[in-house]
Amino acid sequence: MTVIKVSEFRSEISDYANKVAYTGERICVERNNKPLFAIVPIDDMRLLEQLEDQMDLELAKEALKRGKFISFDSLKKELGL
């Protein structure tokens, strides 16, 4: 994975976008030597979202088994929505 400074990313965003899109390289953008964000190929992002959805589904199934759930209307009321 390539690590660059945010100032470098700003000045060469188009080049880095193409590098990620066409080579699949991942880029970590840092500020003050601390990771700030990452640029990843769209396939990586889609996979991450699928994994998150799968984890959410498993947690929801576990909660239903334990009987710990409330209605959507109750949740909205609790949150003041």
PDB file of N, CA and C in Angstrom:
ATOM      1  N   MET A   1       0.844  -1.167   0.000  1.00  0.00           N
ATOM      2  CA  MET A   1       0.000   0.000   0.000  1.00  0.00           C
ATOM      3  C   MET A   1       0.895   1.238   0.000  1.00  0.00           C
ATOM      4  N   THR A   2       0.521   2.192  -0.816  1.00  0.00           N
ATOM      5  CA  THR A   2       1.239   3.449  -0.896  1.00  0.00           C
ATOM      6  C   THR A   2       0.745   4.390   0.198  1.00  0.00           C
ATOM      7  N   VAL A   3       1.663   5.094   0.844  1.00  0.00           N
ATOM      8  CA  VAL A   3       1.318   6.075   1.869  1.00  0.00           C
ATOM      9  C   VAL A   3       1.810   7.435   1.393  1.00  0.00           C
ATOM     10  N   ILE A   4       0.886   8.420   1.374  1.00  0.00           N
ATOM     11  CA  ILE A   4       1.245   9.755   0.917  1.00  0.00           C
ATOM     12  C   ILE A   4       0.704  10.799   1.895  1.00  0.00           C
ATOM     13  N   LYS A   5       1.242  12.005   1.793  1.00  0.00           N
ATOM     14  CA  LYS A   5       0.763  13.117   2.605  1.00  0.00           C
ATOM     15  C   LYS A   5      -0.468  13.733   1.930  1.00  0.00           C
ATOM     16  N   VAL A   6      -1.353  14.312   2.736  1.00  0.00           N
ATOM     17  CA  VAL A   6      -2.579  14.891   2.212  1.00  0.00           C
ATOM     18  C   VAL A   6      -2.279  16.004   1.205  1.00  0.00           C
ATOM     19  N   SER A   7      -1.223  16.765   1.412  1.00  0.00           N
ATOM     20  CA  SER A   7      -0.863  17.843   0.474  1.00  0.00           C
ATOM     21  C   SER A   7      -0.491  17.267  -0.888  1.00  0.00           C
ATOM     22  N   GLU A   8       0.208  16.142  -0.884  1.00  0.00           N
ATOM     23  CA  GLU A   8       0.569  15.478  -2.139  1.00  0.00           C
ATOM     24  C   GLU A   8      -0.681  14.944  -2.825  1.00  0.00           C
ATOM     25  N   PHE A   9      -1.587  14.374  -2.044  1.00  0.00           N
ATOM     26  CA  PHE A   9      -2.836  13.855  -2.602  1.00  0.00           C
ATOM     27  C   PHE A   9      -3.622  14.985  -3.264  1.00  0.00           C
ATOM     28  N   ARG A  10      -3.716  16.135  -2.578  1.00  0.00           N
ATOM     29  CA  ARG A  10      -4.454  17.281  -3.115  1.00  0.00           C
ATOM     30  C   ARG A  10      -3.910  17.712  -4.470  1.00  0.00           C
ATOM     31  N   SER A  11      -2.612  17.752  -4.585  1.00  0.00           N
ATOM     32  CA  SER A  11      -2.012  18.267  -5.816  1.00  0.00           C
ATOM     33  C   SER A  11      -2.021  17.259  -6.964  1.00  0.00           C
ATOM     34  N   GLU A  12      -2.186  15.972  -6.635  1.00  0.00           N
ATOM     35  CA  GLU A  12      -2.137  14.955  -7.686  1.00  0.00           C
ATOM     36  C   GLU A  12      -3.305  13.980  -7.593  1.00  0.00           C
ATOM     37  N   ILE A  13      -4.480  14.486  -7.211  1.00  0.00           N
ATOM     38  CA  ILE A  13      -5.642  13.633  -6.991  1.00  0.00           C
ATOM     39  C   ILE A  13      -6.004  12.811  -8.226  1.00  0.00           C
ATOM     40  N   SER A  14      -5.913  13.415  -9.379  1.00  0.00           N
ATOM     41  CA  SER A  14      -6.276  12.705 -10.615  1.00  0.00           C
ATOM     42  C   SER A  14      -5.354  11.510 -10.862  1.00  0.00           C
ATOM     43  N   ASP A  15      -4.063  11.715 -10.653  1.00  0.00           N
ATOM     44  CA  ASP A  15      -3.111  10.617 -10.857  1.00  0.00           C
ATOM     45  C   ASP A  15      -3.361   9.475  -9.884  1.00  0.00           C
ATOM     46  N   TYR A  16      -3.627   9.815  -8.619  1.00  0.00           N
ATOM     47  CA  TYR A  16      -3.877   8.774  -7.625  1.00  0.00           C
ATOM     48  C   TYR A  16      -5.206   8.062  -7.872  1.00  0.00           C
ATOM     49  N   ALA A  17      -6.207   8.807  -8.306  1.00  0.00           N
ATOM     50  CA  ALA A  17      -7.495   8.184  -8.632  1.00  0.00           C
ATOM     51  C   ALA A  17      -7.325   7.169  -9.753  1.00  0.00           C
ATOM     52  N   ASN A  18      -6.566   7.523 -10.764  1.00  0.00           N
ATOM     53  CA  ASN A  18      -6.324   6.592 -11.871  1.00  0.00           C
ATOM     54  C   ASN A  18      -5.519   5.382 -11.416  1.00  0.00           C
ATOM     55  N   LYS A  19      -4.530   5.609 -10.566  1.00  0.00           N
ATOM     56  CA  LYS A  19      -3.710   4.499 -10.066  1.00  0.00           C
ATOM     57  C   LYS A  19      -4.582   3.483  -9.328  1.00  0.00           C
ATOM     58  N   VAL A  20      -5.481   3.981  -8.480  1.00  0.00           N
ATOM     59  CA  VAL A  20      -6.370   3.091  -7.728  1.00  0.00           C
ATOM     60  C   VAL A  20      -7.337   2.384  -8.670  1.00  0.00           C
ATOM     61  N   ALA A  21      -7.939   3.145  -9.574  1.00  0.00           N
ATOM     62  CA  ALA A  21      -8.953   2.588 -10.463  1.00  0.00           C
ATOM     63  C   ALA A  21      -8.393   1.551 -11.427  1.00  0.00           C
ATOM     64  N   TYR A  22      -7.216   1.810 -11.949  1.00  0.00           N
ATOM     65  CA  TYR A  22      -6.703   0.937 -13.009  1.00  0.00           C
ATOM     66  C   TYR A  22      -5.705  -0.120 -12.554  1.00  0.00           C
ATOM     67  N   THR A  23      -5.070   0.078 -11.412  1.00  0.00           N
ATOM     68  CA  THR A  23      -4.109  -0.937 -10.957  1.00  0.00           C
ATOM     69  C   THR A  23      -4.584  -1.673  -9.717  1.00  0.00           C
ATOM     70  N   GLY A  24      -5.620  -1.135  -9.051  1.00  0.00           N
ATOM     71  CA  GLY A  24      -6.115  -1.781  -7.842  1.00  0.00           C
ATOM     72  C   GLY A  24      -5.297  -1.470  -6.611  1.00  0.00           C
ATOM     73  N   GLU A  25      -4.373  -0.526  -6.743  1.00  0.00           N
ATOM     74  CA  GLU A  25      -3.532  -0.167  -5.595  1.00  0.00           C
ATOM     75  C   GLU A  25      -4.361   0.562  -4.541  1.00  0.00           C
ATOM     76  N   ARG A  26      -4.010   0.344  -3.283  1.00  0.00           N
ATOM     77  CA  ARG A  26      -4.640   1.047  -2.173  1.00  0.00           C
ATOM     78  C   ARG A  26      -3.703   2.156  -1.721  1.00  0.00           C
ATOM     79  N   ILE A  27      -4.291   3.299  -1.384  1.00  0.00           N
ATOM     80  CA  ILE A  27      -3.480   4.446  -0.987  1.00  0.00           C
ATOM     81  C   ILE A  27      -3.969   4.966   0.358  1.00  0.00           C
ATOM     82  N   CYS A  28      -3.040   5.123   1.292  1.00  0.00           N
ATOM     83  CA  CYS A  28      -3.337   5.687   2.608  1.00  0.00           C
ATOM     84  C   CYS A  28      -2.856   7.133   2.597  1.00  0.00           C
ATOM     85  N   VAL A  29      -3.745   8.051   2.946  1.00  0.00           N
ATOM     86  CA  VAL A  29      -3.409   9.469   2.975  1.00  0.00           C
ATOM     87  C   VAL A  29      -3.242   9.891   4.434  1.00  0.00           C
ATOM     88  N   GLU A  30      -2.091  10.511   4.721  1.00  0.00           N
ATOM     89  CA  GLU A  30      -1.751  10.886   6.095  1.00  0.00           C
ATOM     90  C   GLU A  30      -1.663  12.397   6.271  1.00  0.00           C
ATOM     91  N   ARG A  31      -1.927  12.814   7.509  1.00  0.00           N
ATOM     92  CA  ARG A  31      -1.677  14.194   7.917  1.00  0.00           C
ATOM     93  C   ARG A  31      -0.916  14.104   9.235  1.00  0.00           C
ATOM     94  N   ASN A  32       0.193  14.806   9.326  1.00  0.00           N
ATOM     95  CA  ASN A  32       1.043  14.772  10.527  1.00  0.00           C
ATOM     96  C   ASN A  32       1.443  13.345  10.889  1.00  0.00           C
ATOM     97  N   ASN A  33       1.775  12.559   9.887  1.00  0.00           N
ATOM     98  CA  ASN A  33       2.202  11.164  10.040  1.00  0.00           C
ATOM     99  C   ASN A  33       1.156  10.262  10.671  1.00  0.00           C
ATOM    100  N   LYS A  34      -0.127  10.645  10.571  1.00  0.00           N
ATOM    101  CA  LYS A  34      -1.220   9.819  11.073  1.00  0.00           C
ATOM    102  C   LYS A  34      -2.183   9.530   9.927  1.00  0.00           C
ATOM    103  N   PRO A  35      -2.609   8.274   9.774  1.00  0.00           N
ATOM    104  CA  PRO A  35      -3.557   7.945   8.706  1.00  0.00           C
ATOM    105  C   PRO A  35      -4.829   8.782   8.843  1.00  0.00           C
ATOM    106  N   LEU A  36      -5.246   9.369   7.723  1.00  0.00           N
ATOM    107  CA  LEU A  36      -6.430  10.225   7.701  1.00  0.00           C
ATOM    108  C   LEU A  36      -7.580   9.538   6.973  1.00  0.00           C
ATOM    109  N   PHE A  37      -7.288   8.986   5.804  1.00  0.00           N
ATOM    110  CA  PHE A  37      -8.266   8.223   5.037  1.00  0.00           C
ATOM    111  C   PHE A  37      -7.538   7.371   4.013  1.00  0.00           C
ATOM    112  N   ALA A  38      -8.291   6.482   3.391  1.00  0.00           N
ATOM    113  CA  ALA A  38      -7.705   5.598   2.381  1.00  0.00           C
ATOM    114  C   ALA A  38      -8.518   5.677   1.103  1.00  0.00           C
ATOM    115  N   ILE A  39      -7.837   5.510   0.003  1.00  0.00           N
ATOM    116  CA  ILE A  39      -8.477   5.419  -1.303  1.00  0.00           C
ATOM    117  C   ILE A  39      -8.310   3.964  -1.731  1.00  0.00           C
ATOM    118  N   VAL A  40      -9.437   3.301  -1.989  1.00  0.00           N
ATOM    119  CA  VAL A  40      -9.395   1.875  -2.338  1.00  0.00           C
ATOM    120  C   VAL A  40     -10.193   1.629  -3.612  1.00  0.00           C
ATOM    121  N   PRO A  41      -9.884   0.552  -4.316  1.00  0.00           N
ATOM    122  CA  PRO A  41     -10.662   0.212  -5.502  1.00  0.00           C
ATOM    123  C   PRO A  41     -12.120  -0.063  -5.140  1.00  0.00           C
ATOM    124  N   ILE A  42     -13.011   0.179  -6.075  1.00  0.00           N
ATOM    125  CA  ILE A  42     -14.435   0.014  -5.838  1.00  0.00           C
ATOM    126  C   ILE A  42     -14.780  -1.426  -5.438  1.00  0.00           C
ATOM    127  N   ASP A  43     -14.082  -2.400  -5.978  1.00  0.00           N
ATOM    128  CA  ASP A  43     -14.352  -3.797  -5.608  1.00  0.00           C
ATOM    129  C   ASP A  43     -14.042  -4.048  -4.134  1.00  0.00           C
ATOM    130  N   ASP A  44     -12.985  -3.416  -3.620  1.00  0.00           N
ATOM    131  CA  ASP A  44     -12.661  -3.538  -2.191  1.00  0.00           C
ATOM    132  C   ASP A  44     -13.769  -2.929  -1.336  1.00  0.00           C
ATOM    133  N   MET A  45     -14.262  -1.775  -1.756  1.00  0.00           N
ATOM    134  CA  MET A  45     -15.323  -1.120  -0.998  1.00  0.00           C
ATOM    135  C   MET A  45     -16.595  -1.960  -0.998  1.00  0.00           C
ATOM    136  N   ARG A  46     -16.934  -2.522  -2.159  1.00  0.00           N
ATOM    137  CA  ARG A  46     -18.134  -3.365  -2.241  1.00  0.00           C
ATOM    138  C   ARG A  46     -18.002  -4.597  -1.345  1.00  0.00           C
ATOM    139  N   LEU A  47     -16.835  -5.206  -1.326  1.00  0.00           N
ATOM    140  CA  LEU A  47     -16.606  -6.360  -0.463  1.00  0.00           C
ATOM    141  C   LEU A  47     -16.746  -5.972   1.010  1.00  0.00           C
ATOM    142  N   LEU A  48     -16.183  -4.845   1.395  1.00  0.00           N
ATOM    143  CA  LEU A  48     -16.298  -4.375   2.770  1.00  0.00           C
ATOM    144  C   LEU A  48     -17.764  -4.158   3.142  1.00  0.00           C
ATOM    145  N   GLU A  49     -18.537  -3.561   2.247  1.00  0.00           N
ATOM    146  CA  GLU A  49     -19.955  -3.339   2.529  1.00  0.00           C
ATOM    147  C   GLU A  49     -20.714  -4.660   2.656  1.00  0.00           C
ATOM    148  N   GLN A  50     -20.375  -5.647   1.828  1.00  0.00           N
ATOM    149  CA  GLN A  50     -21.010  -6.967   1.938  1.00  0.00           C
ATOM    150  C   GLN A  50     -20.697  -7.601   3.285  1.00  0.00           C
ATOM    151  N   LEU A  51     -19.446  -7.500   3.716  1.00  0.00           N
ATOM    152  CA  LEU A  51     -19.053  -8.053   5.012  1.00  0.00           C
ATOM    153  C   LEU A  51     -19.798  -7.359   6.149  1.00  0.00           C
ATOM    154  N   GLU A  52     -19.919  -6.038   6.064  1.00  0.00           N
ATOM    155  CA  GLU A  52     -20.650  -5.300   7.098  1.00  0.00           C
ATOM    156  C   GLU A  52     -22.121  -5.713   7.123  1.00  0.00           C
ATOM    157  N   ASP A  53     -22.719  -5.859   5.939  1.00  0.00           N
ATOM    158  CA  ASP A  53     -24.120  -6.291   5.870  1.00  0.00           C
ATOM    159  C   ASP A  53     -24.301  -7.674   6.476  1.00  0.00           C
ATOM    160  N   GLN A  54     -23.369  -8.571   6.192  1.00  0.00           N
ATOM    161  CA  GLN A  54     -23.430  -9.930   6.734  1.00  0.00           C
ATOM    162  C   GLN A  54     -23.319  -9.907   8.258  1.00  0.00           C
ATOM    163  N   MET A  55     -22.418  -9.101   8.771  1.00  0.00           N
ATOM    164  CA  MET A  55     -22.267  -8.990  10.226  1.00  0.00           C
ATOM    165  C   MET A  55     -23.533  -8.417  10.863  1.00  0.00           C
ATOM    166  N   ASP A  56     -24.114  -7.398  10.230  1.00  0.00           N
ATOM    167  CA  ASP A  56     -25.355  -6.814  10.748  1.00  0.00           C
ATOM    168  C   ASP A  56     -26.477  -7.840  10.780  1.00  0.00           C
ATOM    169  N   LEU A  57     -26.574  -8.635   9.727  1.00  0.00           N
ATOM    170  CA  LEU A  57     -27.615  -9.655   9.656  1.00  0.00           C
ATOM    171  C   LEU A  57     -27.434 -10.696  10.759  1.00  0.00           C
ATOM    172  N   GLU A  58     -26.207 -11.129  10.984  1.00  0.00           N
ATOM    173  CA  GLU A  58     -25.939 -12.107  12.040  1.00  0.00           C
ATOM    174  C   GLU A  58     -26.276 -11.541  13.411  1.00  0.00           C
ATOM    175  N   LEU A  59     -25.936 -10.277  13.646  1.00  0.00           N
ATOM    176  CA  LEU A  59     -26.272  -9.649  14.924  1.00  0.00           C
ATOM    177  C   LEU A  59     -27.782  -9.521  15.104  1.00  0.00           C
ATOM    178  N   ALA A  60     -28.486  -9.192  14.034  1.00  0.00           N
ATOM    179  CA  ALA A  60     -29.950  -9.079  14.111  1.00  0.00           C
ATOM    180  C   ALA A  60     -30.578 -10.432  14.411  1.00  0.00           C
ATOM    181  N   LYS A  61     -30.079 -11.484  13.779  1.00  0.00           N
ATOM    182  CA  LYS A  61     -30.603 -12.830  14.035  1.00  0.00           C
ATOM    183  C   LYS A  61     -30.376 -13.234  15.490  1.00  0.00           C
ATOM    184  N   GLU A  62     -29.203 -12.928  16.027  1.00  0.00           N
ATOM    185  CA  GLU A  62     -28.903 -13.245  17.426  1.00  0.00           C
ATOM    186  C   GLU A  62     -29.842 -12.488  18.365  1.00  0.00           C
ATOM    187  N   ALA A  63     -30.091 -11.214  18.059  1.00  0.00           N
ATOM    188  CA  ALA A  63     -30.976 -10.410  18.903  1.00  0.00           C
ATOM    189  C   ALA A  63     -32.392 -10.965  18.878  1.00  0.00           C
ATOM    190  N   LEU A  64     -32.849 -11.399  17.709  1.00  0.00           N
ATOM    191  CA  LEU A  64     -34.186 -11.981  17.606  1.00  0.00           C
ATOM    192  C   LEU A  64     -34.285 -13.274  18.404  1.00  0.00           C
ATOM    193  N   LYS A  65     -33.245 -14.085  18.387  1.00  0.00           N
ATOM    194  CA  LYS A  65     -33.238 -15.324  19.160  1.00  0.00           C
ATOM    195  C   LYS A  65     -33.355 -15.045  20.652  1.00  0.00           C
ATOM    196  N   ARG A  66     -32.721 -13.969  21.110  1.00  0.00           N
ATOM    197  CA  ARG A  66     -32.759 -13.605  22.529  1.00  0.00           C
ATOM    198  C   ARG A  66     -34.055 -12.873  22.877  1.00  0.00           C
ATOM    199  N   GLY A  67     -34.808 -12.502  21.861  1.00  0.00           N
ATOM    200  CA  GLY A  67     -36.054 -11.789  22.093  1.00  0.00           C
ATOM    201  C   GLY A  67     -35.857 -10.337  22.470  1.00  0.00           C
ATOM    202  N   LYS A  68     -34.672  -9.818  22.192  1.00  0.00           N
ATOM    203  CA  LYS A  68     -34.377  -8.432  22.528  1.00  0.00           C
ATOM    204  C   LYS A  68     -34.594  -7.557  21.299  1.00  0.00           C
ATOM    205  N   PHE A  69     -35.803  -7.046  21.170  1.00  0.00           N
ATOM    206  CA  PHE A  69     -36.083  -6.143  20.072  1.00  0.00           C
ATOM    207  C   PHE A  69     -37.259  -5.249  20.450  1.00  0.00           C
ATOM    208  N   ILE A  70     -37.331  -4.110  19.767  1.00  0.00           N
ATOM    209  CA  ILE A  70     -38.458  -3.204  19.966  1.00  0.00           C
ATOM    210  C   ILE A  70     -39.000  -2.823  18.593  1.00  0.00           C
ATOM    211  N   SER A  71     -40.208  -2.344  18.561  1.00  0.00           N
ATOM    212  CA  SER A  71     -40.807  -1.968  17.281  1.00  0.00           C
ATOM    213  C   SER A  71     -40.143  -0.700  16.758  1.00  0.00           C
ATOM    214  N   PHE A  72     -40.289  -0.497  15.469  1.00  0.00           N
ATOM    215  CA  PHE A  72     -39.725   0.686  14.832  1.00  0.00           C
ATOM    216  C   PHE A  72     -40.359   1.956  15.402  1.00  0.00           C
ATOM    217  N   ASP A  73     -41.661   1.918  15.623  1.00  0.00           N
ATOM    218  CA  ASP A  73     -42.337   3.087  16.186  1.00  0.00           C
ATOM    219  C   ASP A  73     -41.813   3.408  17.581  1.00  0.00           C
ATOM    220  N   SER A  74     -41.583   2.382  18.403  1.00  0.00           N
ATOM    221  CA  SER A  74     -41.031   2.601  19.742  1.00  0.00           C
ATOM    222  C   SER A  74     -39.616   3.200  19.669  1.00  0.00           C
ATOM    223  N   LEU A  75     -38.849   2.722  18.732  1.00  0.00           N
ATOM    224  CA  LEU A  75     -37.486   3.233  18.565  1.00  0.00           C
ATOM    225  C   LEU A  75     -37.512   4.692  18.151  1.00  0.00           C
ATOM    226  N   LYS A  76     -38.380   5.036  17.213  1.00  0.00           N
ATOM    227  CA  LYS A  76     -38.491   6.437  16.772  1.00  0.00           C
ATOM    228  C   LYS A  76     -38.884   7.320  17.954  1.00  0.00           C
ATOM    229  N   LYS A  77     -39.825   6.855  18.754  1.00  0.00           N
ATOM    230  CA  LYS A  77     -40.280   7.622  19.913  1.00  0.00           C
ATOM    231  C   LYS A  77     -39.135   7.795  20.915  1.00  0.00           C
ATOM    232  N   GLU A  78     -38.407   6.703  21.161  1.00  0.00           N
ATOM    233  CA  GLU A  78     -37.277   6.737  22.101  1.00  0.00           C
ATOM    234  C   GLU A  78     -36.207   7.717  21.643  1.00  0.00           C
ATOM    235  N   LEU A  79     -35.984   7.790  20.325  1.00  0.00           N
ATOM    236  CA  LEU A  79     -34.953   8.673  19.780  1.00  0.00           C
ATOM    237  C   LEU A  79     -35.478  10.083  19.515  1.00  0.00           C
ATOM    238  N   GLY A  80     -36.769  10.296  19.744  1.00  0.00           N
ATOM    239  CA  GLY A  80     -37.351  11.616  19.536  1.00  0.00           C
ATOM    240  C   GLY A  80     -37.503  11.992  18.085  1.00  0.00           C
ATOM    241  N   LEU A  81     -37.725  11.008  17.243  1.00  0.00           N
ATOM    242  CA  LEU A  81     -37.886  11.263  15.802  1.00  0.00           C
ATOM    243  C   LEU A  81     -39.336  11.319  15.377  1.00  0.00           C
TER     244      LEU A  81
END
